[in-house]
Amino acid sequence: MHYLKFPAIIAGMLLAGAASAEGPRARDLGVPFAGKPGANNAITDVAGVEVGYVSLISGEGKLERGKGPVRTGVTAVLPRGKESRTPVYAGWETSNAAGEMTGTVWLEERGYFDGPMMITNTHSVGVVRDAVVGWLADVKWPGAWFTPVVAETYDGMLNDINGFHVKPEHALRAIQTAASGPVAEGNVGGGVGMQCFGFKGGTGTASRVVEMDGKSYTVGVLVQCNFGMRPWLRVAGAPVGEELAGKYLPETRGTQTAAATNNGVAPGDGSIIVVMATDAPMLPHQLKRLAKRAAAGMGRMGDAGSNGSGDIFVAFSTANANVQSVGGNVISVETMPNDKLTLIFEAATQATEEAITNVLVAADTLTGVNGYTIQRLPHAELRAILKKYRRLAAAK
């Protein structure tokens, strides 16, 4: 399966949707992974889940607040699709809280959330949240008031983040164009302007299927990656960051220094948002436990957890359709016993690792504000390093 990638700079571009196209993924390059992926190796392998993007790419050269360059966007994850008006049981967790995910207080209190889960840049959380409230009201989602789940990572190294280029219509378009099936990766949606382990970051996804007591369950993961320092990076256990030290570093083509362009952001500061979906019947406290496994997947990549990184995770289950009581009636739900959850936890860890690796493989070199350029992870050198450390698998 080949997934969508976009050219580094396309003036005035607004891209929406989640269709597939040419472009390698990590398995295509021979990166070995444990576990069995779903049909699309994506979060949408969990039946009902839809993903939509709006990617905003325009302008180049000197940073002018309110004008650009623009390197940003919005990502929407709809747990039961656009047509559903049913919430999902969910849980959230963080490994380092230098970031934001709105709606988590109410999510924690009642154990579920309404509507789509959204991701954008740090300074656009408010406008996206308000747009989602409007959408929920427009579609007559049950309830008198709403606290949408909206998360962020920082794209100010490439994007005019204080120019507020994400508008309500962009959030709505991400929701309206959300689809099942293959999911675009790399420089898309909220991930357009991101950096990961010193290379170009962005959006990625993966899934795992586990067999248990004669039944199949799927765990899907979508990540927006903007975290990690170059020396930490490991791929399939190989020290890729160390091997590529001093190569393919971010550059500034204008008069501004890299430090000025970064607005004081320290190396390793950034963030990652991880969205986990499963069709396994799980209650909110179990889903909170599942969300924690994102940190294990990050650890497999070599991440140590930077002080300034906002690493925030949410997990939801599509299994129980009667999450919300109607008229105060007693409801019955299914759940897995705790002693059966280890395989689900393992699947989440594996899928998180692969989703992050897919980001690094799919993302293209991108130039943004003041000529600041973040290089992509070089595919040929990645394969050479994996071969050196006897980790290269046959390319898919």
Protein backbone atom coordinates (compact mmCIF):
# COMPACT_ATOMS: atom_id res chain seq x y z
CA MET A 1 0.00 0.00 0.00
CA HIS A 2 1.38 3.41 -0.98
CA TYR A 3 0.31 6.46 0.92
CA LEU A 4 -0.06 10.16 0.14
CA LYS A 5 2.82 12.62 0.19
CA PHE A 6 2.91 16.23 -0.95
CA PRO A 7 5.64 18.38 -2.55
CA ALA A 8 7.66 20.51 -0.16
CA ILE A 9 6.27 23.89 -1.23
CA ILE A 10 3.15 24.51 -3.27
CA ALA A 11 2.03 28.13 -3.12
CA GLY A 12 -1.54 28.69 -2.02
CA MET A 13 -2.25 25.00 -1.50
CA LEU A 14 -5.19 23.80 0.55
CA LEU A 15 -5.54 20.02 0.52
CA ALA A 16 -8.41 18.11 2.07
CA GLY A 17 -9.21 14.45 2.49
CA ALA A 18 -7.39 11.24 3.37
CA ALA A 19 -6.91 9.43 0.05
CA SER A 20 -3.94 7.21 -0.76
CA ALA A 21 -1.36 7.69 -3.52
CA GLU A 22 2.26 6.89 -4.36
CA GLY A 23 4.83 6.95 -1.57
CA PRO A 24 6.70 4.31 0.45
CA ARG A 25 6.00 3.34 4.02
CA ALA A 26 8.47 1.93 6.53
CA ARG A 27 7.76 -1.70 5.61
CA ASP A 28 8.37 -0.86 1.95
CA LEU A 29 11.94 0.08 2.88
CA GLY A 30 12.56 -3.13 4.80
CA VAL A 31 12.03 -1.87 8.35
CA PRO A 32 11.06 -4.95 10.40
CA PHE A 33 8.13 -4.82 12.81
CA ALA A 34 6.53 -7.31 15.16
CA GLY A 35 2.83 -8.11 15.04
CA LYS A 36 0.16 -8.51 12.37
CA PRO A 37 -1.14 -5.29 10.74
CA GLY A 38 -4.69 -4.76 9.53
CA ALA A 39 -5.69 -4.45 5.88
CA ASN A 40 -4.63 -0.80 5.59
CA ASN A 41 -2.16 -0.82 8.48
CA ALA A 42 -3.99 2.28 9.69
CA ILE A 43 -6.27 3.51 12.45
CA THR A 44 -9.16 3.10 10.02
CA ASP A 45 -8.77 -0.69 10.25
CA VAL A 46 -10.97 -0.27 13.31
CA ALA A 47 -14.40 -0.41 11.69
CA GLY A 48 -16.22 2.92 11.64
CA VAL A 49 -13.20 5.15 12.20
CA GLU A 50 -12.77 7.95 9.66
CA VAL A 51 -9.83 10.36 9.22
CA GLY A 52 -9.85 13.73 7.46
CA TYR A 53 -7.24 16.41 6.83
CA VAL A 54 -6.90 19.97 5.70
CA SER A 55 -3.29 20.89 4.84
CA LEU A 56 -2.37 24.56 4.47
CA ILE A 57 0.83 25.28 2.52
CA SER A 58 1.48 28.71 1.03
CA GLY A 59 4.11 31.43 0.76
CA GLU A 60 7.85 31.38 1.29
CA GLY A 61 10.68 33.55 2.51
CA LYS A 62 10.70 36.02 5.38
CA LEU A 63 8.26 35.55 8.23
CA GLU A 64 5.52 38.19 8.18
CA ARG A 65 2.94 37.69 10.88
CA GLY A 66 -0.49 37.20 9.38
CA LYS A 67 0.90 36.60 5.88
CA GLY A 68 3.13 33.56 6.20
CA PRO A 69 4.81 31.39 5.20
CA VAL A 70 1.99 29.00 6.11
CA ARG A 71 2.84 25.37 6.94
CA THR A 72 0.02 24.03 9.08
CA GLY A 73 -3.35 22.27 9.04
CA VAL A 74 -6.02 20.28 10.86
CA THR A 75 -6.58 16.56 11.42
CA ALA A 76 -9.95 15.01 12.34
CA VAL A 77 -10.51 11.52 13.72
CA LEU A 78 -14.16 10.46 13.90
CA PRO A 79 -14.51 7.33 16.07
CA ARG A 80 -17.81 6.18 14.56
CA GLY A 81 -17.83 8.24 11.36
CA LYS A 82 -19.59 11.45 10.38
CA GLU A 83 -23.09 10.00 10.48
CA SER A 84 -22.95 8.69 14.04
CA ARG A 85 -24.24 10.68 17.02
CA THR A 86 -23.00 8.17 19.59
CA PRO A 87 -20.04 8.87 21.93
CA VAL A 88 -17.26 6.39 22.69
CA TYR A 89 -15.73 5.18 25.92
CA ALA A 90 -12.26 6.69 26.22
CA GLY A 91 -9.29 7.32 28.47
CA TRP A 92 -6.34 9.67 28.24
CA GLU A 93 -2.82 9.84 29.62
CA THR A 94 0.41 11.79 29.28
CA SER A 95 4.08 10.99 29.70
CA ASN A 96 5.11 14.68 29.72
CA ALA A 97 2.53 17.43 29.91
CA ALA A 98 4.10 20.41 28.12
CA GLY A 99 1.14 20.60 25.77
CA GLU A 100 -2.63 20.73 25.48
CA MET A 101 -5.55 18.44 24.83
CA THR A 102 -8.87 20.12 25.56
CA GLY A 103 -11.87 18.25 26.93
CA THR A 104 -9.84 15.82 29.03
CA VAL A 105 -11.25 16.91 32.41
CA TRP A 106 -14.80 16.01 31.38
CA LEU A 107 -13.57 12.93 29.51
CA GLU A 108 -11.87 11.71 32.69
CA GLU A 109 -14.92 12.40 34.82
CA ARG A 110 -17.53 10.59 32.73
CA GLY A 111 -15.34 8.18 30.74
CA TYR A 112 -16.37 9.12 27.21
CA PHE A 113 -16.29 11.98 24.71
CA ASP A 114 -18.57 13.38 22.01
CA GLY A 115 -17.91 13.91 18.33
CA PRO A 116 -14.56 14.02 16.52
CA MET A 117 -11.09 14.14 18.04
CA MET A 118 -9.06 16.97 16.40
CA ILE A 119 -5.35 17.84 16.12
CA THR A 120 -3.80 21.13 14.94
CA ASN A 121 -0.99 23.55 15.86
CA THR A 122 -0.50 24.99 19.34
CA HIS A 123 -2.09 28.39 18.72
CA SER A 124 -5.09 27.10 16.76
CA VAL A 125 -6.63 24.85 19.40
CA GLY A 126 -9.25 27.45 20.34
CA VAL A 127 -10.60 28.10 16.87
CA VAL A 128 -10.77 24.37 16.12
CA ARG A 129 -12.54 23.70 19.40
CA ASP A 130 -15.14 26.38 18.65
CA ALA A 131 -15.67 25.01 15.14
CA VAL A 132 -16.32 21.54 16.54
CA VAL A 133 -18.86 22.91 19.02
CA GLY A 134 -20.63 24.54 16.07
CA TRP A 135 -20.59 21.28 14.11
CA LEU A 136 -21.99 19.33 17.06
CA ALA A 137 -24.80 21.86 17.40
CA ASP A 138 -25.49 21.85 13.66
CA VAL A 139 -25.82 18.06 13.46
CA LYS A 140 -27.94 18.04 16.63
CA TRP A 141 -25.56 15.88 18.62
CA PRO A 142 -27.38 14.92 21.85
CA GLY A 143 -26.54 17.31 24.68
CA ALA A 144 -26.93 20.93 25.73
CA TRP A 145 -23.19 21.76 25.89
CA PHE A 146 -19.94 20.26 24.64
CA THR A 147 -16.24 20.10 25.50
CA PRO A 148 -14.53 18.75 22.36
CA VAL A 149 -11.22 16.91 22.45
CA VAL A 150 -8.66 19.02 20.55
CA ALA A 151 -4.90 18.49 20.80
CA GLU A 152 -1.83 20.34 19.49
CA THR A 153 1.82 20.22 18.60
CA TYR A 154 4.05 23.22 17.82
CA ASP A 155 4.87 24.07 14.19
CA GLY A 156 6.39 27.54 14.71
CA MET A 157 9.76 26.50 13.25
CA LEU A 158 8.22 26.31 9.78
CA ASN A 159 4.86 28.06 10.13
CA ASP A 160 3.65 31.58 10.88
CA ILE A 161 2.06 30.18 14.02
CA ASN A 162 1.05 33.59 15.37
CA GLY A 163 -0.68 34.44 12.10
CA PHE A 164 -3.70 32.25 12.99
CA HIS A 165 -4.13 30.80 9.51
CA VAL A 166 -6.31 27.89 10.64
CA LYS A 167 -9.93 29.01 10.34
CA PRO A 168 -13.23 27.41 11.42
CA GLU A 169 -13.94 26.34 7.85
CA HIS A 170 -10.71 24.34 7.79
CA ALA A 171 -11.72 22.35 10.86
CA LEU A 172 -15.16 21.74 9.38
CA ARG A 173 -13.69 20.64 6.07
CA ALA A 174 -11.43 18.12 7.83
CA ILE A 175 -14.54 16.63 9.46
CA GLN A 176 -16.64 16.70 6.30
CA THR A 177 -13.96 15.05 4.13
CA ALA A 178 -13.06 12.35 6.67
CA ALA A 179 -13.08 8.85 5.22
CA SER A 180 -12.33 5.25 6.04
CA GLY A 181 -9.73 3.18 4.18
CA PRO A 182 -6.11 4.21 3.49
CA VAL A 183 -4.85 7.22 5.44
CA ALA A 184 -2.43 9.87 4.16
CA GLU A 185 0.89 10.25 5.98
CA GLY A 186 3.75 12.71 6.23
CA ASN A 187 3.23 16.43 5.56
CA VAL A 188 -0.54 16.36 5.99
CA GLY A 189 -3.19 17.87 8.28
CA GLY A 190 -2.00 19.16 11.61
CA GLY A 191 1.33 17.44 10.93
CA VAL A 192 2.37 19.67 7.98
CA GLY A 193 4.87 21.81 9.90
CA MET A 194 6.36 19.28 12.32
CA GLN A 195 9.87 18.02 13.09
CA CYS A 196 10.69 14.61 14.62
CA PHE A 197 14.06 13.41 15.92
CA GLY A 198 15.72 16.23 13.96
CA PHE A 199 14.11 15.14 10.68
CA LYS A 200 10.85 16.15 9.03
CA GLY A 201 7.92 14.97 11.14
CA GLY A 202 4.18 14.94 10.60
CA THR A 203 1.34 12.43 10.61
CA GLY A 204 1.52 8.64 10.58
CA THR A 205 -0.59 5.60 11.30
CA ALA A 206 -0.47 1.83 11.81
CA SER A 207 -2.58 -1.01 13.19
CA ARG A 208 -2.40 -4.45 14.73
CA VAL A 209 -4.79 -7.41 14.74
CA VAL A 210 -4.75 -9.81 17.68
CA GLU A 211 -6.50 -13.16 18.08
CA MET A 212 -8.01 -13.99 21.43
CA ASP A 213 -10.44 -16.76 22.44
CA GLY A 214 -11.46 -17.32 18.84
CA LYS A 215 -12.09 -13.63 18.12
CA SER A 216 -10.10 -10.95 16.29
CA TYR A 217 -9.58 -7.49 17.75
CA THR A 218 -7.93 -4.50 16.07
CA VAL A 219 -5.89 -1.69 17.59
CA GLY A 220 -5.24 1.31 15.35
CA VAL A 221 -2.94 4.27 16.05
CA LEU A 222 -2.60 7.72 14.51
CA VAL A 223 0.22 10.03 15.58
CA GLN A 224 1.17 13.67 15.06
CA CYS A 225 4.93 13.66 15.65
CA ASN A 226 7.00 16.66 16.65
CA PHE A 227 9.28 15.23 19.33
CA GLY A 228 12.70 13.73 20.02
CA MET A 229 16.38 14.64 19.58
CA ARG A 230 18.52 13.38 16.70
CA PRO A 231 21.00 11.34 18.85
CA TRP A 232 18.12 9.38 20.40
CA LEU A 233 16.61 8.03 17.18
CA ARG A 234 16.54 4.28 16.83
CA VAL A 235 14.73 2.38 14.10
CA ALA A 236 14.16 -1.33 14.69
CA GLY A 237 16.86 -1.09 17.35
CA ALA A 238 19.49 0.39 15.03
CA PRO A 239 21.10 3.70 16.19
CA VAL A 240 20.02 5.71 13.16
CA GLY A 241 20.39 9.06 14.91
CA GLU A 242 23.97 8.38 15.90
CA GLU A 243 24.87 7.13 12.44
CA LEU A 244 23.44 10.26 10.81
CA ALA A 245 24.87 12.75 13.29
CA GLY A 246 25.97 15.91 11.49
CA LYS A 247 24.10 15.02 8.29
CA TYR A 248 20.83 16.32 6.88
CA LEU A 249 20.57 18.97 9.58
CA PRO A 250 17.96 21.76 9.54
CA GLU A 251 19.25 24.79 7.67
CA THR A 252 18.42 28.48 7.37
CA ARG A 253 18.72 30.01 3.90
CA GLY A 254 17.88 33.57 4.94
CA THR A 255 19.54 36.05 7.28
CA GLN A 256 17.96 34.65 10.41
CA THR A 257 19.86 32.18 12.54
CA ALA A 258 18.36 28.79 13.28
CA ALA A 259 18.03 29.75 16.94
CA ALA A 260 16.01 32.84 16.04
CA THR A 261 13.83 30.86 13.68
CA ASN A 262 13.15 28.34 16.43
CA ASN A 263 11.90 31.10 18.73
CA GLY A 264 13.92 29.71 21.60
CA VAL A 265 12.62 26.14 21.30
CA ALA A 266 15.18 23.83 22.90
CA PRO A 267 16.41 20.69 21.11
CA GLY A 268 14.06 17.81 21.86
CA ASP A 269 11.18 20.07 22.78
CA GLY A 270 8.23 19.50 20.53
CA SER A 271 5.41 17.08 21.31
CA ILE A 272 3.53 14.06 20.08
CA ILE A 273 -0.19 13.36 20.07
CA VAL A 274 -1.18 9.69 19.90
CA VAL A 275 -4.75 8.62 19.12
CA MET A 276 -5.57 4.95 19.71
CA ALA A 277 -8.71 3.20 18.53
CA THR A 278 -9.84 -0.35 19.21
CA ASP A 279 -12.88 -2.51 18.67
CA ALA A 280 -12.06 -4.54 21.77
CA PRO A 281 -14.71 -3.95 24.47
CA MET A 282 -12.94 -1.87 27.11
CA LEU A 283 -14.10 0.43 29.88
CA PRO A 284 -12.66 3.93 30.47
CA HIS A 285 -10.18 2.88 33.16
CA GLN A 286 -8.88 0.13 30.83
CA LEU A 287 -8.61 2.59 27.95
CA LYS A 288 -6.56 4.89 30.16
CA ARG A 289 -4.21 1.97 30.70
CA LEU A 290 -4.13 1.38 26.94
CA ALA A 291 -3.26 5.03 26.25
CA LYS A 292 -0.21 4.72 28.52
CA ARG A 293 1.32 2.21 26.09
CA ALA A 294 2.04 5.01 23.64
CA ALA A 295 5.04 5.91 25.79
CA ALA A 296 6.38 2.37 25.36
CA GLY A 297 6.18 2.75 21.58
CA MET A 298 8.02 6.06 21.79
CA GLY A 299 10.66 4.42 23.96
CA ARG A 300 11.30 1.83 21.26
CA MET A 301 12.26 4.76 19.02
CA GLY A 302 14.81 5.89 21.59
CA ASP A 303 12.83 8.77 23.08
CA ALA A 304 13.78 9.75 26.63
CA GLY A 305 11.01 12.29 27.24
CA SER A 306 12.20 15.87 26.87
CA ASN A 307 11.28 18.43 29.56
CA GLY A 308 9.50 20.65 27.05
CA SER A 309 7.68 17.98 25.06
CA GLY A 310 3.91 17.61 25.26
CA ASP A 311 3.35 13.86 24.95
CA ILE A 312 -0.40 13.32 25.29
CA PHE A 313 -2.40 10.24 24.39
CA VAL A 314 -6.08 9.31 24.04
CA ALA A 315 -7.57 5.84 23.50
CA PHE A 316 -11.17 4.97 22.65
CA SER A 317 -13.23 1.86 22.00
CA THR A 318 -15.96 1.52 19.39
CA ALA A 319 -17.27 -1.71 20.91
CA ASN A 320 -20.17 -0.49 23.06
CA ALA A 321 -22.81 1.47 21.17
CA ASN A 322 -24.88 2.21 24.28
CA VAL A 323 -22.35 4.35 26.12
CA GLN A 324 -24.85 7.03 27.05
CA SER A 325 -28.04 6.26 29.01
CA VAL A 326 -31.28 7.52 27.51
CA GLY A 327 -33.85 8.66 30.05
CA GLY A 328 -31.70 7.54 32.94
CA ASN A 329 -32.21 3.85 32.21
CA VAL A 330 -29.69 1.27 33.41
CA ILE A 331 -27.40 0.18 30.57
CA SER A 332 -25.47 -3.02 30.02
CA VAL A 333 -22.03 -3.02 28.41
CA GLU A 334 -19.36 -5.57 27.58
CA THR A 335 -15.75 -5.44 28.66
CA MET A 336 -12.65 -7.59 28.55
CA PRO A 337 -11.26 -8.94 31.80
CA ASN A 338 -8.03 -7.24 32.83
CA ASP A 339 -6.03 -10.44 32.55
CA LYS A 340 -6.81 -10.54 28.82
CA LEU A 341 -5.46 -7.06 28.07
CA THR A 342 -1.76 -7.81 27.65
CA LEU A 343 -2.08 -8.69 23.96
CA ILE A 344 -4.02 -5.45 23.38
CA PHE A 345 -1.34 -3.47 25.20
CA GLU A 346 1.38 -5.14 23.11
CA ALA A 347 -0.50 -4.34 19.91
CA ALA A 348 -0.77 -0.67 20.90
CA THR A 349 2.97 -0.47 21.60
CA GLN A 350 3.83 -2.08 18.27
CA ALA A 351 1.44 0.10 16.29
CA THR A 352 2.72 3.28 17.93
CA GLU A 353 6.31 2.43 17.03
CA GLU A 354 5.38 1.71 13.43
CA ALA A 355 3.19 4.81 13.09
CA ILE A 356 6.09 7.03 14.21
CA THR A 357 8.46 5.28 11.81
CA ASN A 358 5.92 5.75 9.00
CA VAL A 359 5.97 9.48 9.72
CA LEU A 360 9.72 9.65 9.27
CA VAL A 361 9.59 7.66 6.03
CA ALA A 362 6.61 9.50 4.50
CA ALA A 363 7.45 13.09 5.41
CA ASP A 364 9.17 15.20 2.74
CA THR A 365 11.81 17.90 3.19
CA LEU A 366 10.00 21.19 3.82
CA THR A 367 11.13 24.83 3.82
CA GLY A 368 9.22 27.39 5.84
CA VAL A 369 9.67 30.69 7.65
CA ASN A 370 12.89 32.59 6.95
CA GLY A 371 14.09 29.82 4.66
CA TYR A 372 14.30 27.33 7.52
CA THR A 373 14.42 23.83 6.06
CA ILE A 374 13.85 20.51 7.80
CA GLN A 375 15.30 17.57 5.91
CA ARG A 376 13.54 14.26 5.45
CA LEU A 377 15.01 11.01 6.79
CA PRO A 378 17.06 9.67 3.85
CA HIS A 379 15.66 6.33 2.70
CA ALA A 380 18.81 4.87 1.18
CA GLU A 381 20.91 5.64 4.24
CA LEU A 382 18.21 4.26 6.53
CA ARG A 383 18.32 0.96 4.63
CA ALA A 384 22.14 0.93 4.77
CA ILE A 385 22.12 1.44 8.53
CA LEU A 386 19.53 -1.28 9.06
CA LYS A 387 21.64 -3.63 6.95
CA LYS A 388 24.78 -2.74 8.91
CA TYR A 389 23.08 -3.71 12.15
CA ARG A 390 21.45 -6.78 10.59
CA ARG A 391 17.96 -5.37 10.99
CA LEU A 392 16.99 -5.00 7.33
CA ALA A 393 14.04 -7.11 6.28
CA ALA A 394 12.92 -7.86 2.74
CA ALA A 395 11.14 -4.78 1.39
CA LYS A 396 7.38 -5.19 1.07
